[in-house]
Amino acid sequence: MAGKPPEGFYRVRGHLRRKPGPSRKRMSGWTIAAIVAGSWLWGQFIGFGEATENPAPAPKPSMSASVER
């Protein structure tokens, strides 16, 4: 153990370790895949509000009401 460690490193238990620099957060491939799958499932089960709500048509009886003779 002699001397000063090089720029950007520090000494730990007899070996050199790189100093952590400013990290930028990046999304992994699995995170992106999970977001895509989640949005697809949301669209399948809940929907995105594209479909309008149409009330079901009232049932029409096939025979008319009782006929008086």
PDB file of N, CA and C in Angstrom:
ATOM      1  N   MET A   1       0.847  -1.172   0.000  1.00  0.00           N
ATOM      2  CA  MET A   1       0.000   0.000   0.000  1.00  0.00           C
ATOM      3  C   MET A   1       0.892   1.234   0.000  1.00  0.00           C
ATOM      4  N   ALA A   2       1.154   1.661  -1.161  1.00  0.00           N
ATOM      5  CA  ALA A   2       2.024   2.832  -1.251  1.00  0.00           C
ATOM      6  C   ALA A   2       1.403   3.835  -2.192  1.00  0.00           C
ATOM      7  N   GLY A   3       1.533   5.071  -1.852  1.00  0.00           N
ATOM      8  CA  GLY A   3       1.121   6.146  -2.736  1.00  0.00           C
ATOM      9  C   GLY A   3      -0.355   6.457  -2.667  1.00  0.00           C
ATOM     10  N   LYS A   4      -0.652   7.459  -3.414  1.00  0.00           N
ATOM     11  CA  LYS A   4      -2.022   7.962  -3.470  1.00  0.00           C
ATOM     12  C   LYS A   4      -2.764   7.263  -4.623  1.00  0.00           C
ATOM     13  N   PRO A   5      -4.029   6.888  -4.431  1.00  0.00           N
ATOM     14  CA  PRO A   5      -4.768   6.245  -5.529  1.00  0.00           C
ATOM     15  C   PRO A   5      -4.980   7.224  -6.679  1.00  0.00           C
ATOM     16  N   PRO A   6      -5.149   6.722  -7.901  1.00  0.00           N
ATOM     17  CA  PRO A   6      -5.366   7.600  -9.048  1.00  0.00           C
ATOM     18  C   PRO A   6      -6.672   8.384  -8.923  1.00  0.00           C
ATOM     19  N   GLU A   7      -6.817   9.385  -9.755  1.00  0.00           N
ATOM     20  CA  GLU A   7      -8.014  10.248  -9.767  1.00  0.00           C
ATOM     21  C   GLU A   7      -9.258   9.396 -10.036  1.00  0.00           C
ATOM     22  N   GLY A   8     -10.297   9.564  -9.230  1.00  0.00           N
ATOM     23  CA  GLY A   8     -11.549   8.840  -9.428  1.00  0.00           C
ATOM     24  C   GLY A   8     -11.596   7.499  -8.720  1.00  0.00           C
ATOM     25  N   PHE A   9     -10.552   7.145  -7.949  1.00  0.00           N
ATOM     26  CA  PHE A   9     -10.510   5.885  -7.223  1.00  0.00           C
ATOM     27  C   PHE A   9     -10.210   6.150  -5.763  1.00  0.00           C
ATOM     28  N   TYR A  10     -10.509   5.181  -4.903  1.00  0.00           N
ATOM     29  CA  TYR A  10     -10.079   5.237  -3.506  1.00  0.00           C
ATOM     30  C   TYR A  10      -9.717   3.835  -3.068  1.00  0.00           C
ATOM     31  N   ARG A  11      -8.914   3.742  -2.031  1.00  0.00           N
ATOM     32  CA  ARG A  11      -8.377   2.460  -1.602  1.00  0.00           C
ATOM     33  C   ARG A  11      -9.288   1.843  -0.535  1.00  0.00           C
ATOM     34  N   VAL A  12      -9.632   0.564  -0.727  1.00  0.00           N
ATOM     35  CA  VAL A  12     -10.460  -0.176   0.225  1.00  0.00           C
ATOM     36  C   VAL A  12      -9.796  -1.518   0.471  1.00  0.00           C
ATOM     37  N   ARG A  13      -9.400  -1.764   1.698  1.00  0.00           N
ATOM     38  CA  ARG A  13      -8.809  -3.047   2.119  1.00  0.00           C
ATOM     39  C   ARG A  13      -7.727  -3.542   1.155  1.00  0.00           C
ATOM     40  N   GLY A  14      -6.910  -2.655   0.731  1.00  0.00           N
ATOM     41  CA  GLY A  14      -5.777  -3.071  -0.084  1.00  0.00           C
ATOM     42  C   GLY A  14      -6.030  -3.114  -1.586  1.00  0.00           C
ATOM     43  N   HIS A  15      -7.188  -2.763  -2.025  1.00  0.00           N
ATOM     44  CA  HIS A  15      -7.414  -2.691  -3.471  1.00  0.00           C
ATOM     45  C   HIS A  15      -8.121  -1.386  -3.814  1.00  0.00           C
ATOM     46  N   LEU A  16      -8.149  -1.057  -5.079  1.00  0.00           N
ATOM     47  CA  LEU A  16      -8.745   0.205  -5.516  1.00  0.00           C
ATOM     48  C   LEU A  16     -10.200   0.000  -5.906  1.00  0.00           C
ATOM     49  N   ARG A  17     -11.006   0.973  -5.577  1.00  0.00           N
ATOM     50  CA  ARG A  17     -12.420   0.941  -5.951  1.00  0.00           C
ATOM     51  C   ARG A  17     -12.745   2.270  -6.617  1.00  0.00           C
ATOM     52  N   ARG A  18     -13.541   2.213  -7.681  1.00  0.00           N
ATOM     53  CA  ARG A  18     -13.903   3.429  -8.409  1.00  0.00           C
ATOM     54  C   ARG A  18     -14.930   4.224  -7.612  1.00  0.00           C
ATOM     55  N   LYS A  19     -14.745   5.517  -7.577  1.00  0.00           N
ATOM     56  CA  LYS A  19     -15.697   6.390  -6.894  1.00  0.00           C
ATOM     57  C   LYS A  19     -16.970   6.479  -7.715  1.00  0.00           C
ATOM     58  N   PRO A  20     -18.110   6.403  -7.054  1.00  0.00           N
ATOM     59  CA  PRO A  20     -19.359   6.515  -7.824  1.00  0.00           C
ATOM     60  C   PRO A  20     -19.530   7.941  -8.335  1.00  0.00           C
ATOM     61  N   GLY A  21     -19.860   8.046  -9.589  1.00  0.00           N
ATOM     62  CA  GLY A  21     -20.076   9.355 -10.183  1.00  0.00           C
ATOM     63  C   GLY A  21     -21.541   9.706 -10.171  1.00  0.00           C
ATOM     64  N   PRO A  22     -21.877  10.834 -10.756  1.00  0.00           N
ATOM     65  CA  PRO A  22     -23.300  11.185 -10.834  1.00  0.00           C
ATOM     66  C   PRO A  22     -24.018  10.168 -11.716  1.00  0.00           C
ATOM     67  N   SER A  23     -25.052   9.570 -11.172  1.00  0.00           N
ATOM     68  CA  SER A  23     -25.757   8.526 -11.928  1.00  0.00           C
ATOM     69  C   SER A  23     -27.020   9.099 -12.546  1.00  0.00           C
ATOM     70  N   ARG A  24     -27.290   8.677 -13.728  1.00  0.00           N
ATOM     71  CA  ARG A  24     -28.557   9.045 -14.351  1.00  0.00           C
ATOM     72  C   ARG A  24     -29.440   7.809 -14.318  1.00  0.00           C
ATOM     73  N   LYS A  25     -30.669   8.023 -13.995  1.00  0.00           N
ATOM     74  CA  LYS A  25     -31.597   6.900 -13.860  1.00  0.00           C
ATOM     75  C   LYS A  25     -32.068   6.479 -15.243  1.00  0.00           C
ATOM     76  N   ARG A  26     -31.893   5.215 -15.560  1.00  0.00           N
ATOM     77  CA  ARG A  26     -32.363   4.669 -16.828  1.00  0.00           C
ATOM     78  C   ARG A  26     -33.312   3.519 -16.529  1.00  0.00           C
ATOM     79  N   MET A  27     -34.296   3.369 -17.381  1.00  0.00           N
ATOM     80  CA  MET A  27     -35.229   2.264 -17.206  1.00  0.00           C
ATOM     81  C   MET A  27     -34.665   1.024 -17.893  1.00  0.00           C
ATOM     82  N   SER A  28     -34.778  -0.086 -17.223  1.00  0.00           N
ATOM     83  CA  SER A  28     -34.312  -1.331 -17.812  1.00  0.00           C
ATOM     84  C   SER A  28     -35.342  -1.836 -18.819  1.00  0.00           C
ATOM     85  N   GLY A  29     -34.945  -2.804 -19.591  1.00  0.00           N
ATOM     86  CA  GLY A  29     -35.849  -3.399 -20.574  1.00  0.00           C
ATOM     87  C   GLY A  29     -37.056  -4.046 -19.927  1.00  0.00           C
ATOM     88  N   TRP A  30     -36.853  -4.652 -18.756  1.00  0.00           N
ATOM     89  CA  TRP A  30     -37.957  -5.298 -18.057  1.00  0.00           C
ATOM     90  C   TRP A  30     -38.966  -4.271 -17.563  1.00  0.00           C
ATOM     91  N   THR A  31     -38.488  -3.106 -17.150  1.00  0.00           N
ATOM     92  CA  THR A  31     -39.394  -2.057 -16.689  1.00  0.00           C
ATOM     93  C   THR A  31     -40.251  -1.557 -17.840  1.00  0.00           C
ATOM     94  N   ILE A  32     -39.631  -1.351 -18.989  1.00  0.00           N
ATOM     95  CA  ILE A  32     -40.372  -0.889 -20.165  1.00  0.00           C
ATOM     96  C   ILE A  32     -41.384  -1.937 -20.601  1.00  0.00           C
ATOM     97  N   ALA A  33     -40.974  -3.214 -20.587  1.00  0.00           N
ATOM     98  CA  ALA A  33     -41.897  -4.293 -20.956  1.00  0.00           C
ATOM     99  C   ALA A  33     -43.071  -4.363 -19.991  1.00  0.00           C
ATOM    100  N   ALA A  34     -42.827  -4.142 -18.706  1.00  0.00           N
ATOM    101  CA  ALA A  34     -43.908  -4.169 -17.716  1.00  0.00           C
ATOM    102  C   ALA A  34     -44.875  -3.010 -17.940  1.00  0.00           C
ATOM    103  N   ILE A  35     -44.368  -1.845 -18.297  1.00  0.00           N
ATOM    104  CA  ILE A  35     -45.243  -0.696 -18.557  1.00  0.00           C
ATOM    105  C   ILE A  35     -46.103  -0.947 -19.781  1.00  0.00           C
ATOM    106  N   VAL A  36     -45.501  -1.495 -20.834  1.00  0.00           N
ATOM    107  CA  VAL A  36     -46.262  -1.794 -22.056  1.00  0.00           C
ATOM    108  C   VAL A  36     -47.324  -2.852 -21.775  1.00  0.00           C
ATOM    109  N   ALA A  37     -46.960  -3.910 -21.068  1.00  0.00           N
ATOM    110  CA  ALA A  37     -47.928  -4.967 -20.756  1.00  0.00           C
ATOM    111  C   ALA A  37     -49.036  -4.444 -19.854  1.00  0.00           C
ATOM    112  N   GLY A  38     -48.689  -3.607 -18.907  1.00  0.00           N
ATOM    113  CA  GLY A  38     -49.705  -3.048 -18.014  1.00  0.00           C
ATOM    114  C   GLY A  38     -50.690  -2.168 -18.756  1.00  0.00           C
ATOM    115  N   SER A  39     -50.187  -1.346 -19.672  1.00  0.00           N
ATOM    116  CA  SER A  39     -51.113  -0.490 -20.427  1.00  0.00           C
ATOM    117  C   SER A  39     -51.981  -1.323 -21.364  1.00  0.00           C
ATOM    118  N   TRP A  40     -51.427  -2.399 -21.937  1.00  0.00           N
ATOM    119  CA  TRP A  40     -52.226  -3.262 -22.807  1.00  0.00           C
ATOM    120  C   TRP A  40     -53.332  -3.947 -21.994  1.00  0.00           C
ATOM    121  N   LEU A  41     -52.977  -4.453 -20.806  1.00  0.00           N
ATOM    122  CA  LEU A  41     -53.987  -5.100 -19.966  1.00  0.00           C
ATOM    123  C   LEU A  41     -55.041  -4.096 -19.513  1.00  0.00           C
ATOM    124  N   TRP A  42     -54.623  -2.876 -19.216  1.00  0.00           N
ATOM    125  CA  TRP A  42     -55.578  -1.837 -18.827  1.00  0.00           C
ATOM    126  C   TRP A  42     -56.577  -1.623 -19.959  1.00  0.00           C
ATOM    127  N   GLY A  43     -56.100  -1.567 -21.183  1.00  0.00           N
ATOM    128  CA  GLY A  43     -56.978  -1.372 -22.332  1.00  0.00           C
ATOM    129  C   GLY A  43     -57.909  -2.547 -22.560  1.00  0.00           C
ATOM    130  N   GLN A  44     -57.453  -3.757 -22.245  1.00  0.00           N
ATOM    131  CA  GLN A  44     -58.282  -4.938 -22.458  1.00  0.00           C
ATOM    132  C   GLN A  44     -59.410  -5.035 -21.431  1.00  0.00           C
ATOM    133  N   PHE A  45     -59.091  -4.778 -20.166  1.00  0.00           N
ATOM    134  CA  PHE A  45     -60.066  -5.027 -19.111  1.00  0.00           C
ATOM    135  C   PHE A  45     -60.859  -3.791 -18.705  1.00  0.00           C
ATOM    136  N   ILE A  46     -60.239  -2.656 -18.691  1.00  0.00           N
ATOM    137  CA  ILE A  46     -60.914  -1.460 -18.212  1.00  0.00           C
ATOM    138  C   ILE A  46     -61.276  -0.546 -19.355  1.00  0.00           C
ATOM    139  N   GLY A  47     -60.425  -0.461 -20.337  1.00  0.00           N
ATOM    140  CA  GLY A  47     -60.687   0.387 -21.493  1.00  0.00           C
ATOM    141  C   GLY A  47     -60.130   1.780 -21.296  1.00  0.00           C
ATOM    142  N   PHE A  48     -59.992   2.489 -22.387  1.00  0.00           N
ATOM    143  CA  PHE A  48     -59.432   3.831 -22.351  1.00  0.00           C
ATOM    144  C   PHE A  48     -60.500   4.891 -22.543  1.00  0.00           C
ATOM    145  N   GLY A  49     -61.785   4.534 -22.427  1.00  0.00           N
ATOM    146  CA  GLY A  49     -62.857   5.505 -22.564  1.00  0.00           C
ATOM    147  C   GLY A  49     -63.234   5.766 -24.009  1.00  0.00           C
ATOM    148  N   GLU A  50     -62.807   4.913 -24.936  1.00  0.00           N
ATOM    149  CA  GLU A  50     -63.123   5.113 -26.349  1.00  0.00           C
ATOM    150  C   GLU A  50     -64.558   4.696 -26.666  1.00  0.00           C
ATOM    151  N   ALA A  51     -64.998   3.638 -26.029  1.00  0.00           N
ATOM    152  CA  ALA A  51     -66.332   3.125 -26.312  1.00  0.00           C
ATOM    153  C   ALA A  51     -67.368   3.982 -25.600  1.00  0.00           C
ATOM    154  N   THR A  52     -68.426   4.323 -26.327  1.00  0.00           N
ATOM    155  CA  THR A  52     -69.505   5.076 -25.702  1.00  0.00           C
ATOM    156  C   THR A  52     -70.504   4.090 -25.120  1.00  0.00           C
ATOM    157  N   GLU A  53     -71.146   4.510 -24.087  1.00  0.00           N
ATOM    158  CA  GLU A  53     -72.105   3.632 -23.440  1.00  0.00           C
ATOM    159  C   GLU A  53     -73.438   3.731 -24.157  1.00  0.00           C
ATOM    160  N   ASN A  54     -73.829   2.670 -24.829  1.00  0.00           N
ATOM    161  CA  ASN A  54     -75.123   2.616 -25.499  1.00  0.00           C
ATOM    162  C   ASN A  54     -76.055   1.765 -24.658  1.00  0.00           C
ATOM    163  N   PRO A  55     -77.184   2.322 -24.270  1.00  0.00           N
ATOM    164  CA  PRO A  55     -78.117   1.505 -23.490  1.00  0.00           C
ATOM    165  C   PRO A  55     -78.690   0.389 -24.363  1.00  0.00           C
ATOM    166  N   ALA A  56     -78.946  -0.724 -23.741  1.00  0.00           N
ATOM    167  CA  ALA A  56     -79.507  -1.858 -24.473  1.00  0.00           C
ATOM    168  C   ALA A  56     -80.908  -1.501 -24.960  1.00  0.00           C
ATOM    169  N   PRO A  57     -81.249  -1.872 -26.183  1.00  0.00           N
ATOM    170  CA  PRO A  57     -82.596  -1.562 -26.668  1.00  0.00           C
ATOM    171  C   PRO A  57     -83.653  -2.324 -25.870  1.00  0.00           C
ATOM    172  N   ALA A  58     -84.804  -1.699 -25.713  1.00  0.00           N
ATOM    173  CA  ALA A  58     -85.892  -2.338 -24.965  1.00  0.00           C
ATOM    174  C   ALA A  58     -86.377  -3.560 -25.739  1.00  0.00           C
ATOM    175  N   PRO A  59     -86.631  -4.648 -25.036  1.00  0.00           N
ATOM    176  CA  PRO A  59     -87.097  -5.856 -25.736  1.00  0.00           C
ATOM    177  C   PRO A  59     -88.485  -5.640 -26.333  1.00  0.00           C
ATOM    178  N   LYS A  60     -88.679  -6.126 -27.553  1.00  0.00           N
ATOM    179  CA  LYS A  60     -89.981  -6.020 -28.220  1.00  0.00           C
ATOM    180  C   LYS A  60     -90.650  -7.392 -28.159  1.00  0.00           C
ATOM    181  N   PRO A  61     -91.837  -7.440 -27.624  1.00  0.00           N
ATOM    182  CA  PRO A  61     -92.510  -8.749 -27.548  1.00  0.00           C
ATOM    183  C   PRO A  61     -92.842  -9.251 -28.953  1.00  0.00           C
ATOM    184  N   SER A  62     -92.727 -10.552 -29.132  1.00  0.00           N
ATOM    185  CA  SER A  62     -93.023 -11.122 -30.442  1.00  0.00           C
ATOM    186  C   SER A  62     -94.527 -11.233 -30.674  1.00  0.00           C
ATOM    187  N   MET A  63     -95.281 -11.315 -29.607  1.00  0.00           N
ATOM    188  CA  MET A  63     -96.735 -11.381 -29.733  1.00  0.00           C
ATOM    189  C   MET A  63     -97.327 -10.129 -29.121  1.00  0.00           C
ATOM    190  N   SER A  64     -98.398  -9.673 -29.702  1.00  0.00           N
ATOM    191  CA  SER A  64     -99.024  -8.467 -29.152  1.00  0.00           C
ATOM    192  C   SER A  64     -99.753  -8.815 -27.865  1.00  0.00           C
ATOM    193  N   ALA A  65    -100.157  -7.789 -27.176  1.00  0.00           N
ATOM    194  CA  ALA A  65    -100.881  -7.984 -25.928  1.00  0.00           C
ATOM    195  C   ALA A  65    -102.206  -8.715 -26.223  1.00  0.00           C
ATOM    196  N   SER A  66    -102.861  -9.132 -25.160  1.00  0.00           N
ATOM    197  CA  SER A  66    -104.090  -9.913 -25.348  1.00  0.00           C
ATOM    198  C   SER A  66    -105.073  -9.140 -26.250  1.00  0.00           C
ATOM    199  N   VAL A  67    -105.628  -9.904 -27.156  1.00  0.00           N
ATOM    200  CA  VAL A  67    -106.561  -9.316 -28.128  1.00  0.00           C
ATOM    201  C   VAL A  67    -107.990  -9.517 -27.619  1.00  0.00           C
ATOM    202  N   GLU A  68    -108.767  -8.468 -27.627  1.00  0.00           N
ATOM    203  CA  GLU A  68    -110.156  -8.605 -27.205  1.00  0.00           C
ATOM    204  C   GLU A  68    -110.991  -8.971 -28.429  1.00  0.00           C
ATOM    205  N   ARG A  69    -111.919  -9.857 -28.276  1.00  0.00           N
ATOM    206  CA  ARG A  69    -112.767 -10.281 -29.386  1.00  0.00           C
ATOM    207  C   ARG A  69    -114.160  -9.840 -29.211  1.00  0.00           C
TER     208      ARG A  69
END
